[in-house]
Amino acid sequence: MMNPPDEADMGTVIGELNDKLPGLSDSFDPDHPGMHTTATLDYEYIVSGRCLVELDDGVTRELRPGDTVIQNGTRHASRNPFAEPCVIVVALVGAQHDRVPHD
């Protein structure tokens, strides 16, 4: 995970996101950048680097290599404020949640 460079055109970044992951941007909270909720069960494993995960209750945790995160339709955001890239293996499994919009 890397943050877009400061000089990145966010329109281009969002366009690429929509091309590669159709519908994902619809899950983001426009009032809280990066926060999103998906109708999925998420398994995340940090391979290298570090990142921060922020949960709905405002708690932020630093994740390091070997850490695992499992989320079940939770509102969250991931950020990398560190100099090195963060490599994460992620598996998303579709799930139905009463509070998460789905098709």
PDB file of N, CA and C in Angstrom:
ATOM      1  N   MET A   1       0.845  -1.160   0.000  1.00  0.00           N
ATOM      2  CA  MET A   1       0.000   0.000   0.000  1.00  0.00           C
ATOM      3  C   MET A   1       0.892   1.225   0.000  1.00  0.00           C
ATOM      4  N   MET A   2       0.610   2.103  -0.941  1.00  0.00           N
ATOM      5  CA  MET A   2       1.321   3.375  -0.993  1.00  0.00           C
ATOM      6  C   MET A   2       0.287   4.468  -1.175  1.00  0.00           C
ATOM      7  N   ASN A   3       0.507   5.581  -0.532  1.00  0.00           N
ATOM      8  CA  ASN A   3      -0.359   6.730  -0.761  1.00  0.00           C
ATOM      9  C   ASN A   3      -0.010   7.324  -2.111  1.00  0.00           C
ATOM     10  N   PRO A   4      -0.994   7.915  -2.811  1.00  0.00           N
ATOM     11  CA  PRO A   4      -0.665   8.574  -4.074  1.00  0.00           C
ATOM     12  C   PRO A   4       0.342   9.686  -3.827  1.00  0.00           C
ATOM     13  N   PRO A   5       1.266   9.905  -4.764  1.00  0.00           N
ATOM     14  CA  PRO A   5       2.214  11.012  -4.606  1.00  0.00           C
ATOM     15  C   PRO A   5       1.471  12.340  -4.505  1.00  0.00           C
ATOM     16  N   ASP A   6       2.088  13.302  -3.823  1.00  0.00           N
ATOM     17  CA  ASP A   6       1.451  14.605  -3.640  1.00  0.00           C
ATOM     18  C   ASP A   6       1.043  15.235  -4.966  1.00  0.00           C
ATOM     19  N   GLU A   7       1.819  14.980  -6.033  1.00  0.00           N
ATOM     20  CA  GLU A   7       1.528  15.595  -7.325  1.00  0.00           C
ATOM     21  C   GLU A   7       0.511  14.795  -8.143  1.00  0.00           C
ATOM     22  N   ALA A   8      -0.023  13.703  -7.586  1.00  0.00           N
ATOM     23  CA  ALA A   8      -0.976  12.858  -8.314  1.00  0.00           C
ATOM     24  C   ALA A   8      -2.272  13.614  -8.586  1.00  0.00           C
ATOM     25  N   ASP A   9      -2.812  13.414  -9.771  1.00  0.00           N
ATOM     26  CA  ASP A   9      -4.113  13.962 -10.123  1.00  0.00           C
ATOM     27  C   ASP A   9      -5.166  13.016  -9.565  1.00  0.00           C
ATOM     28  N   MET A  10      -5.925  13.463  -8.561  1.00  0.00           N
ATOM     29  CA  MET A  10      -6.867  12.582  -7.883  1.00  0.00           C
ATOM     30  C   MET A  10      -7.974  12.096  -8.820  1.00  0.00           C
ATOM     31  N   GLY A  11      -8.312  12.869  -9.818  1.00  0.00           N
ATOM     32  CA  GLY A  11      -9.291  12.403 -10.802  1.00  0.00           C
ATOM     33  C   GLY A  11      -8.787  11.175 -11.532  1.00  0.00           C
ATOM     34  N   THR A  12      -7.501  11.194 -11.886  1.00  0.00           N
ATOM     35  CA  THR A  12      -6.879  10.053 -12.553  1.00  0.00           C
ATOM     36  C   THR A  12      -6.809   8.859 -11.604  1.00  0.00           C
ATOM     37  N   VAL A  13      -6.440   9.110 -10.344  1.00  0.00           N
ATOM     38  CA  VAL A  13      -6.352   8.043  -9.344  1.00  0.00           C
ATOM     39  C   VAL A  13      -7.718   7.384  -9.161  1.00  0.00           C
ATOM     40  N   ILE A  14      -8.759   8.190  -9.002  1.00  0.00           N
ATOM     41  CA  ILE A  14     -10.107   7.652  -8.813  1.00  0.00           C
ATOM     42  C   ILE A  14     -10.576   6.917 -10.058  1.00  0.00           C
ATOM     43  N   GLY A  15     -10.259   7.448 -11.231  1.00  0.00           N
ATOM     44  CA  GLY A  15     -10.611   6.772 -12.481  1.00  0.00           C
ATOM     45  C   GLY A  15      -9.968   5.401 -12.580  1.00  0.00           C
ATOM     46  N   GLU A  16      -8.691   5.314 -12.208  1.00  0.00           N
ATOM     47  CA  GLU A  16      -7.997   4.022 -12.240  1.00  0.00           C
ATOM     48  C   GLU A  16      -8.603   3.062 -11.218  1.00  0.00           C
ATOM     49  N   LEU A  17      -8.937   3.565 -10.039  1.00  0.00           N
ATOM     50  CA  LEU A  17      -9.586   2.741  -9.027  1.00  0.00           C
ATOM     51  C   LEU A  17     -10.901   2.177  -9.566  1.00  0.00           C
ATOM     52  N   ASN A  18     -11.707   3.032 -10.188  1.00  0.00           N
ATOM     53  CA  ASN A  18     -12.992   2.586 -10.720  1.00  0.00           C
ATOM     54  C   ASN A  18     -12.835   1.584 -11.856  1.00  0.00           C
ATOM     55  N   ASP A  19     -11.784   1.752 -12.674  1.00  0.00           N
ATOM     56  CA  ASP A  19     -11.529   0.803 -13.757  1.00  0.00           C
ATOM     57  C   ASP A  19     -11.123  -0.561 -13.217  1.00  0.00           C
ATOM     58  N   LYS A  20     -10.254  -0.571 -12.210  1.00  0.00           N
ATOM     59  CA  LYS A  20      -9.708  -1.830 -11.701  1.00  0.00           C
ATOM     60  C   LYS A  20     -10.612  -2.500 -10.673  1.00  0.00           C
ATOM     61  N   LEU A  21     -11.373  -1.710  -9.921  1.00  0.00           N
ATOM     62  CA  LEU A  21     -12.243  -2.250  -8.878  1.00  0.00           C
ATOM     63  C   LEU A  21     -13.623  -1.586  -8.984  1.00  0.00           C
ATOM     64  N   PRO A  22     -14.398  -1.946 -10.006  1.00  0.00           N
ATOM     65  CA  PRO A  22     -15.696  -1.297 -10.225  1.00  0.00           C
ATOM     66  C   PRO A  22     -16.598  -1.378  -8.991  1.00  0.00           C
ATOM     67  N   GLY A  23     -17.189  -0.242  -8.642  1.00  0.00           N
ATOM     68  CA  GLY A  23     -18.132  -0.183  -7.531  1.00  0.00           C
ATOM     69  C   GLY A  23     -17.502   0.064  -6.173  1.00  0.00           C
ATOM     70  N   LEU A  24     -16.187  -0.145  -6.041  1.00  0.00           N
ATOM     71  CA  LEU A  24     -15.552   0.016  -4.734  1.00  0.00           C
ATOM     72  C   LEU A  24     -15.669   1.450  -4.224  1.00  0.00           C
ATOM     73  N   SER A  25     -15.491   2.421  -5.093  1.00  0.00           N
ATOM     74  CA  SER A  25     -15.516   3.820  -4.626  1.00  0.00           C
ATOM     75  C   SER A  25     -16.883   4.205  -4.073  1.00  0.00           C
ATOM     76  N   ASP A  26     -17.938   3.480  -4.449  1.00  0.00           N
ATOM     77  CA  ASP A  26     -19.269   3.763  -3.905  1.00  0.00           C
ATOM     78  C   ASP A  26     -19.357   3.457  -2.417  1.00  0.00           C
ATOM     79  N   SER A  27     -18.440   2.640  -1.905  1.00  0.00           N
ATOM     80  CA  SER A  27     -18.477   2.248  -0.497  1.00  0.00           C
ATOM     81  C   SER A  27     -17.764   3.255   0.408  1.00  0.00           C
ATOM     82  N   PHE A  28     -17.091   4.258  -0.182  1.00  0.00           N
ATOM     83  CA  PHE A  28     -16.335   5.220   0.617  1.00  0.00           C
ATOM     84  C   PHE A  28     -17.236   6.311   1.169  1.00  0.00           C
ATOM     85  N   ASP A  29     -16.936   6.756   2.388  1.00  0.00           N
ATOM     86  CA  ASP A  29     -17.682   7.802   3.084  1.00  0.00           C
ATOM     87  C   ASP A  29     -17.120   9.158   2.655  1.00  0.00           C
ATOM     88  N   PRO A  30     -17.882   9.959   1.902  1.00  0.00           N
ATOM     89  CA  PRO A  30     -17.349  11.233   1.398  1.00  0.00           C
ATOM     90  C   PRO A  30     -16.990  12.230   2.502  1.00  0.00           C
ATOM     91  N   ASP A  31     -17.582  12.081   3.682  1.00  0.00           N
ATOM     92  CA  ASP A  31     -17.300  13.013   4.775  1.00  0.00           C
ATOM     93  C   ASP A  31     -16.068  12.625   5.593  1.00  0.00           C
ATOM     94  N   HIS A  32     -15.564  11.405   5.388  1.00  0.00           N
ATOM     95  CA  HIS A  32     -14.402  10.907   6.127  1.00  0.00           C
ATOM     96  C   HIS A  32     -13.488  10.179   5.145  1.00  0.00           C
ATOM     97  N   PRO A  33     -12.548  10.899   4.540  1.00  0.00           N
ATOM     98  CA  PRO A  33     -11.711  10.324   3.484  1.00  0.00           C
ATOM     99  C   PRO A  33     -11.076   8.983   3.890  1.00  0.00           C
ATOM    100  N   GLY A  34     -11.232   8.012   3.014  1.00  0.00           N
ATOM    101  CA  GLY A  34     -10.659   6.696   3.223  1.00  0.00           C
ATOM    102  C   GLY A  34     -11.559   5.726   3.963  1.00  0.00           C
ATOM    103  N   MET A  35     -12.496   6.245   4.768  1.00  0.00           N
ATOM    104  CA  MET A  35     -13.385   5.351   5.511  1.00  0.00           C
ATOM    105  C   MET A  35     -14.372   4.715   4.537  1.00  0.00           C
ATOM    106  N   HIS A  36     -14.560   3.406   4.699  1.00  0.00           N
ATOM    107  CA  HIS A  36     -15.479   2.687   3.828  1.00  0.00           C
ATOM    108  C   HIS A  36     -15.999   1.436   4.529  1.00  0.00           C
ATOM    109  N   THR A  37     -17.120   0.946   4.011  1.00  0.00           N
ATOM    110  CA  THR A  37     -17.743  -0.268   4.512  1.00  0.00           C
ATOM    111  C   THR A  37     -18.158  -1.094   3.313  1.00  0.00           C
ATOM    112  N   THR A  38     -17.821  -2.368   3.328  1.00  0.00           N
ATOM    113  CA  THR A  38     -18.215  -3.255   2.233  1.00  0.00           C
ATOM    114  C   THR A  38     -18.932  -4.471   2.792  1.00  0.00           C
ATOM    115  N   ALA A  39     -19.789  -5.043   1.983  1.00  0.00           N
ATOM    116  CA  ALA A  39     -20.528  -6.249   2.369  1.00  0.00           C
ATOM    117  C   ALA A  39     -19.632  -7.456   2.128  1.00  0.00           C
ATOM    118  N   THR A  40     -18.552  -7.519   2.896  1.00  0.00           N
ATOM    119  CA  THR A  40     -17.570  -8.588   2.737  1.00  0.00           C
ATOM    120  C   THR A  40     -17.016  -9.014   4.095  1.00  0.00           C
ATOM    121  N   LEU A  41     -16.445 -10.189   4.090  1.00  0.00           N
ATOM    122  CA  LEU A  41     -15.617 -10.658   5.187  1.00  0.00           C
ATOM    123  C   LEU A  41     -14.194 -10.527   4.670  1.00  0.00           C
ATOM    124  N   ASP A  42     -13.377  -9.707   5.324  1.00  0.00           N
ATOM    125  CA  ASP A  42     -12.038  -9.366   4.837  1.00  0.00           C
ATOM    126  C   ASP A  42     -10.971 -10.050   5.690  1.00  0.00           C
ATOM    127  N   TYR A  43     -10.026 -10.684   5.007  1.00  0.00           N
ATOM    128  CA  TYR A  43      -8.857 -11.269   5.654  1.00  0.00           C
ATOM    129  C   TYR A  43      -7.643 -10.524   5.111  1.00  0.00           C
ATOM    130  N   GLU A  44      -6.849  -9.940   5.995  1.00  0.00           N
ATOM    131  CA  GLU A  44      -5.688  -9.157   5.576  1.00  0.00           C
ATOM    132  C   GLU A  44      -4.451  -9.641   6.329  1.00  0.00           C
ATOM    133  N   TYR A  45      -3.346  -9.788   5.604  1.00  0.00           N
ATOM    134  CA  TYR A  45      -2.086 -10.229   6.195  1.00  0.00           C
ATOM    135  C   TYR A  45      -0.990  -9.275   5.729  1.00  0.00           C
ATOM    136  N   ILE A  46      -0.263  -8.685   6.676  1.00  0.00           N
ATOM    137  CA  ILE A  46       0.793  -7.735   6.347  1.00  0.00           C
ATOM    138  C   ILE A  46       2.067  -8.526   6.036  1.00  0.00           C
ATOM    139  N   VAL A  47       2.536  -8.421   4.785  1.00  0.00           N
ATOM    140  CA  VAL A  47       3.729  -9.133   4.342  1.00  0.00           C
ATOM    141  C   VAL A  47       4.984  -8.339   4.686  1.00  0.00           C
ATOM    142  N   SER A  48       4.981  -7.044   4.370  1.00  0.00           N
ATOM    143  CA  SER A  48       6.144  -6.201   4.658  1.00  0.00           C
ATOM    144  C   SER A  48       5.686  -4.755   4.801  1.00  0.00           C
ATOM    145  N   GLY A  49       6.522  -3.962   5.431  1.00  0.00           N
ATOM    146  CA  GLY A  49       6.189  -2.559   5.649  1.00  0.00           C
ATOM    147  C   GLY A  49       5.238  -2.401   6.826  1.00  0.00           C
ATOM    148  N   ARG A  50       4.693  -1.200   6.938  1.00  0.00           N
ATOM    149  CA  ARG A  50       3.749  -0.891   8.012  1.00  0.00           C
ATOM    150  C   ARG A  50       2.611  -0.065   7.442  1.00  0.00           C
ATOM    151  N   CYS A  51       1.471  -0.106   8.111  1.00  0.00           N
ATOM    152  CA  CYS A  51       0.350   0.764   7.755  1.00  0.00           C
ATOM    153  C   CYS A  51      -0.487   0.987   9.008  1.00  0.00           C
ATOM    154  N   LEU A  52      -1.422   1.889   8.902  1.00  0.00           N
ATOM    155  CA  LEU A  52      -2.352   2.158   9.990  1.00  0.00           C
ATOM    156  C   LEU A  52      -3.738   1.742   9.540  1.00  0.00           C
ATOM    157  N   VAL A  53      -4.490   1.130  10.439  1.00  0.00           N
ATOM    158  CA  VAL A  53      -5.894   0.854  10.173  1.00  0.00           C
ATOM    159  C   VAL A  53      -6.695   1.630  11.217  1.00  0.00           C
ATOM    160  N   GLU A  54      -7.698   2.353  10.738  1.00  0.00           N
ATOM    161  CA  GLU A  54      -8.574   3.134  11.610  1.00  0.00           C
ATOM    162  C   GLU A  54      -9.940   2.480  11.593  1.00  0.00           C
ATOM    163  N   LEU A  55     -10.503   2.253  12.766  1.00  0.00           N
ATOM    164  CA  LEU A  55     -11.815   1.628  12.871  1.00  0.00           C
ATOM    165  C   LEU A  55     -12.881   2.671  13.150  1.00  0.00           C
ATOM    166  N   ASP A  56     -14.126   2.250  13.061  1.00  0.00           N
ATOM    167  CA  ASP A  56     -15.267   3.154  13.182  1.00  0.00           C
ATOM    168  C   ASP A  56     -15.290   3.901  14.510  1.00  0.00           C
ATOM    169  N   ASP A  57     -14.773   3.294  15.569  1.00  0.00           N
ATOM    170  CA  ASP A  57     -14.804   3.947  16.877  1.00  0.00           C
ATOM    171  C   ASP A  57     -13.646   4.925  17.079  1.00  0.00           C
ATOM    172  N   GLY A  58     -12.851   5.160  16.001  1.00  0.00           N
ATOM    173  CA  GLY A  58     -11.755   6.110  16.067  1.00  0.00           C
ATOM    174  C   GLY A  58     -10.431   5.503  16.507  1.00  0.00           C
ATOM    175  N   VAL A  59     -10.436   4.241  16.902  1.00  0.00           N
ATOM    176  CA  VAL A  59      -9.198   3.565  17.296  1.00  0.00           C
ATOM    177  C   VAL A  59      -8.327   3.353  16.065  1.00  0.00           C
ATOM    178  N   THR A  60      -7.052   3.685  16.178  1.00  0.00           N
ATOM    179  CA  THR A  60      -6.088   3.468  15.100  1.00  0.00           C
ATOM    180  C   THR A  60      -5.019   2.517  15.605  1.00  0.00           C
ATOM    181  N   ARG A  61      -4.686   1.522  14.776  1.00  0.00           N
ATOM    182  CA  ARG A  61      -3.659   0.540  15.117  1.00  0.00           C
ATOM    183  C   ARG A  61      -2.601   0.503  14.026  1.00  0.00           C
ATOM    184  N   GLU A  62      -1.347   0.424  14.450  1.00  0.00           N
ATOM    185  CA  GLU A  62      -0.259   0.239  13.497  1.00  0.00           C
ATOM    186  C   GLU A  62      -0.117  -1.259  13.234  1.00  0.00           C
ATOM    187  N   LEU A  63      -0.058  -1.623  11.962  1.00  0.00           N
ATOM    188  CA  LEU A  63       0.116  -3.008  11.564  1.00  0.00           C
ATOM    189  C   LEU A  63       1.507  -3.197  11.007  1.00  0.00           C
ATOM    190  N   ARG A  64       2.129  -4.335  11.345  1.00  0.00           N
ATOM    191  CA  ARG A  64       3.495  -4.653  10.940  1.00  0.00           C
ATOM    192  C   ARG A  64       3.518  -6.030  10.296  1.00  0.00           C
ATOM    193  N   PRO A  65       4.636  -6.396   9.678  1.00  0.00           N
ATOM    194  CA  PRO A  65       4.725  -7.716   9.048  1.00  0.00           C
ATOM    195  C   PRO A  65       4.323  -8.832  10.014  1.00  0.00           C
ATOM    196  N   GLY A  66       3.487  -9.743   9.499  1.00  0.00           N
ATOM    197  CA  GLY A  66       2.996 -10.863  10.294  1.00  0.00           C
ATOM    198  C   GLY A  66       1.661 -10.599  10.956  1.00  0.00           C
ATOM    199  N   ASP A  67       1.233  -9.330  11.025  1.00  0.00           N
ATOM    200  CA  ASP A  67      -0.072  -9.027  11.626  1.00  0.00           C
ATOM    201  C   ASP A  67      -1.190  -9.451  10.679  1.00  0.00           C
ATOM    202  N   THR A  68      -2.307  -9.854  11.272  1.00  0.00           N
ATOM    203  CA  THR A  68      -3.478 -10.269  10.518  1.00  0.00           C
ATOM    204  C   THR A  68      -4.673  -9.473  11.009  1.00  0.00           C
ATOM    205  N   VAL A  69      -5.533  -9.079  10.083  1.00  0.00           N
ATOM    206  CA  VAL A  69      -6.762  -8.368  10.414  1.00  0.00           C
ATOM    207  C   VAL A  69      -7.912  -9.124   9.765  1.00  0.00           C
ATOM    208  N   ILE A  70      -8.976  -9.338  10.530  1.00  0.00           N
ATOM    209  CA  ILE A  70     -10.192  -9.929   9.985  1.00  0.00           C
ATOM    210  C   ILE A  70     -11.316  -8.948  10.289  1.00  0.00           C
ATOM    211  N   GLN A  71     -12.042  -8.552   9.233  1.00  0.00           N
ATOM    212  CA  GLN A  71     -13.133  -7.596   9.397  1.00  0.00           C
ATOM    213  C   GLN A  71     -14.391  -8.182   8.783  1.00  0.00           C
ATOM    214  N   ASN A  72     -15.504  -7.921   9.417  1.00  0.00           N
ATOM    215  CA  ASN A  72     -16.777  -8.474   8.973  1.00  0.00           C
ATOM    216  C   ASN A  72     -17.774  -7.330   8.764  1.00  0.00           C
ATOM    217  N   GLY A  73     -17.636  -6.657   7.621  1.00  0.00           N
ATOM    218  CA  GLY A  73     -18.540  -5.550   7.311  1.00  0.00           C
ATOM    219  C   GLY A  73     -18.325  -4.331   8.185  1.00  0.00           C
ATOM    220  N   THR A  74     -17.116  -4.154   8.711  1.00  0.00           N
ATOM    221  CA  THR A  74     -16.850  -3.017   9.593  1.00  0.00           C
ATOM    222  C   THR A  74     -16.397  -1.797   8.789  1.00  0.00           C
ATOM    223  N   ARG A  75     -16.771  -0.633   9.276  1.00  0.00           N
ATOM    224  CA  ARG A  75     -16.342   0.629   8.675  1.00  0.00           C
ATOM    225  C   ARG A  75     -14.897   0.855   9.100  1.00  0.00           C
ATOM    226  N   HIS A  76     -14.027   1.136   8.119  1.00  0.00           N
ATOM    227  CA  HIS A  76     -12.607   1.261   8.421  1.00  0.00           C
ATOM    228  C   HIS A  76     -11.889   2.030   7.314  1.00  0.00           C
ATOM    229  N   ALA A  77     -10.643   2.384   7.600  1.00  0.00           N
ATOM    230  CA  ALA A  77      -9.756   3.016   6.615  1.00  0.00           C
ATOM    231  C   ALA A  77      -8.348   2.490   6.854  1.00  0.00           C
ATOM    232  N   SER A  78      -7.596   2.365   5.783  1.00  0.00           N
ATOM    233  CA  SER A  78      -6.189   1.979   5.884  1.00  0.00           C
ATOM    234  C   SER A  78      -5.356   3.090   5.278  1.00  0.00           C
ATOM    235  N   ARG A  79      -4.248   3.401   5.948  1.00  0.00           N
ATOM    236  CA  ARG A  79      -3.374   4.470   5.480  1.00  0.00           C
ATOM    237  C   ARG A  79      -1.925   4.052   5.652  1.00  0.00           C
ATOM    238  N   ASN A  80      -1.080   4.620   4.807  1.00  0.00           N
ATOM    239  CA  ASN A  80       0.354   4.389   4.942  1.00  0.00           C
ATOM    240  C   ASN A  80       1.068   5.734   5.024  1.00  0.00           C
ATOM    241  N   PRO A  81       1.280   6.238   6.256  1.00  0.00           N
ATOM    242  CA  PRO A  81       2.003   7.502   6.406  1.00  0.00           C
ATOM    243  C   PRO A  81       3.520   7.299   6.478  1.00  0.00           C
ATOM    244  N   PHE A  82       3.970   6.065   6.312  1.00  0.00           N
ATOM    245  CA  PHE A  82       5.380   5.734   6.457  1.00  0.00           C
ATOM    246  C   PHE A  82       6.098   5.835   5.115  1.00  0.00           C
ATOM    247  N   ALA A  83       7.414   5.935   5.165  1.00  0.00           N
ATOM    248  CA  ALA A  83       8.216   6.112   3.945  1.00  0.00           C
ATOM    249  C   ALA A  83       8.252   4.860   3.085  1.00  0.00           C
ATOM    250  N   GLU A  84       8.198   3.676   3.703  1.00  0.00           N
ATOM    251  CA  GLU A  84       8.305   2.451   2.922  1.00  0.00           C
ATOM    252  C   GLU A  84       6.929   1.941   2.491  1.00  0.00           C
ATOM    253  N   PRO A  85       6.853   1.283   1.322  1.00  0.00           N
ATOM    254  CA  PRO A  85       5.592   0.681   0.895  1.00  0.00           C
ATOM    255  C   PRO A  85       5.166  -0.427   1.859  1.00  0.00           C
ATOM    256  N   CYS A  86       3.886  -0.698   1.900  1.00  0.00           N
ATOM    257  CA  CYS A  86       3.336  -1.782   2.708  1.00  0.00           C
ATOM    258  C   CYS A  86       2.717  -2.791   1.748  1.00  0.00           C
ATOM    259  N   VAL A  87       3.150  -4.041   1.845  1.00  0.00           N
ATOM    260  CA  VAL A  87       2.607  -5.106   1.004  1.00  0.00           C
ATOM    261  C   VAL A  87       1.630  -5.906   1.860  1.00  0.00           C
ATOM    262  N   ILE A  88       0.390  -6.010   1.371  1.00  0.00           N
ATOM    263  CA  ILE A  88      -0.680  -6.698   2.104  1.00  0.00           C
ATOM    264  C   ILE A  88      -1.318  -7.728   1.184  1.00  0.00           C
ATOM    265  N   VAL A  89      -1.554  -8.916   1.714  1.00  0.00           N
ATOM    266  CA  VAL A  89      -2.342  -9.920   1.012  1.00  0.00           C
ATOM    267  C   VAL A  89      -3.754  -9.817   1.571  1.00  0.00           C
ATOM    268  N   VAL A  90      -4.734  -9.642   0.678  1.00  0.00           N
ATOM    269  CA  VAL A  90      -6.114  -9.455   1.111  1.00  0.00           C
ATOM    270  C   VAL A  90      -7.015 -10.429   0.371  1.00  0.00           C
ATOM    271  N   ALA A  91      -7.906 -11.067   1.116  1.00  0.00           N
ATOM    272  CA  ALA A  91      -8.959 -11.895   0.518  1.00  0.00           C
ATOM    273  C   ALA A  91     -10.289 -11.351   1.000  1.00  0.00           C
ATOM    274  N   LEU A  92     -11.170 -11.032   0.061  1.00  0.00           N
ATOM    275  CA  LEU A  92     -12.506 -10.532   0.388  1.00  0.00           C
ATOM    276  C   LEU A  92     -13.525 -11.593  -0.013  1.00  0.00           C
ATOM    277  N   VAL A  93     -14.389 -11.932   0.915  1.00  0.00           N
ATOM    278  CA  VAL A  93     -15.434 -12.911   0.655  1.00  0.00           C
ATOM    279  C   VAL A  93     -16.770 -12.187   0.797  1.00  0.00           C
ATOM    280  N   GLY A  94     -17.597 -12.261  -0.229  1.00  0.00           N
ATOM    281  CA  GLY A  94     -18.899 -11.590  -0.183  1.00  0.00           C
ATOM    282  C   GLY A  94     -19.727 -12.072   0.985  1.00  0.00           C
ATOM    283  N   ALA A  95     -20.395 -11.142   1.659  1.00  0.00           N
ATOM    284  CA  ALA A  95     -21.253 -11.457   2.806  1.00  0.00           C
ATOM    285  C   ALA A  95     -22.391 -10.462   2.838  1.00  0.00           C
ATOM    286  N   GLN A  96     -23.489 -10.860   3.368  1.00  0.00           N
ATOM    287  CA  GLN A  96     -24.629  -9.951   3.494  1.00  0.00           C
ATOM    288  C   GLN A  96     -24.670  -9.411   4.912  1.00  0.00           C
ATOM    289  N   HIS A  97     -24.730  -8.101   5.012  1.00  0.00           N
ATOM    290  CA  HIS A  97     -24.804  -7.421   6.298  1.00  0.00           C
ATOM    291  C   HIS A  97     -26.001  -6.480   6.251  1.00  0.00           C
ATOM    292  N   ASP A  98     -26.809  -6.472   7.285  1.00  0.00           N
ATOM    293  CA  ASP A  98     -28.009  -5.634   7.309  1.00  0.00           C
ATOM    294  C   ASP A  98     -27.709  -4.150   7.162  1.00  0.00           C
ATOM    295  N   ARG A  99     -26.554  -3.696   7.673  1.00  0.00           N
ATOM    296  CA  ARG A  99     -26.243  -2.260   7.641  1.00  0.00           C
ATOM    297  C   ARG A  99     -25.341  -1.856   6.484  1.00  0.00           C
ATOM    298  N   VAL A 100     -25.002  -2.824   5.616  1.00  0.00           N
ATOM    299  CA  VAL A 100     -24.124  -2.533   4.474  1.00  0.00           C
ATOM    300  C   VAL A 100     -24.924  -2.686   3.180  1.00  0.00           C
ATOM    301  N   PRO A 101     -25.043  -1.617   2.381  1.00  0.00           N
ATOM    302  CA  PRO A 101     -25.774  -1.737   1.120  1.00  0.00           C
ATOM    303  C   PRO A 101     -25.149  -2.787   0.205  1.00  0.00           C
ATOM    304  N   HIS A 102     -25.983  -3.498  -0.506  1.00  0.00           N
ATOM    305  CA  HIS A 102     -25.502  -4.495  -1.466  1.00  0.00           C
ATOM    306  C   HIS A 102     -26.508  -4.604  -2.600  1.00  0.00           C
ATOM    307  N   ASP A 103     -26.042  -5.166  -3.711  1.00  0.00           N
ATOM    308  CA  ASP A 103     -26.922  -5.327  -4.883  1.00  0.00           C
ATOM    309  C   ASP A 103     -27.765  -6.573  -4.746  1.00  0.00           C
TER     310      ASP A 103
END
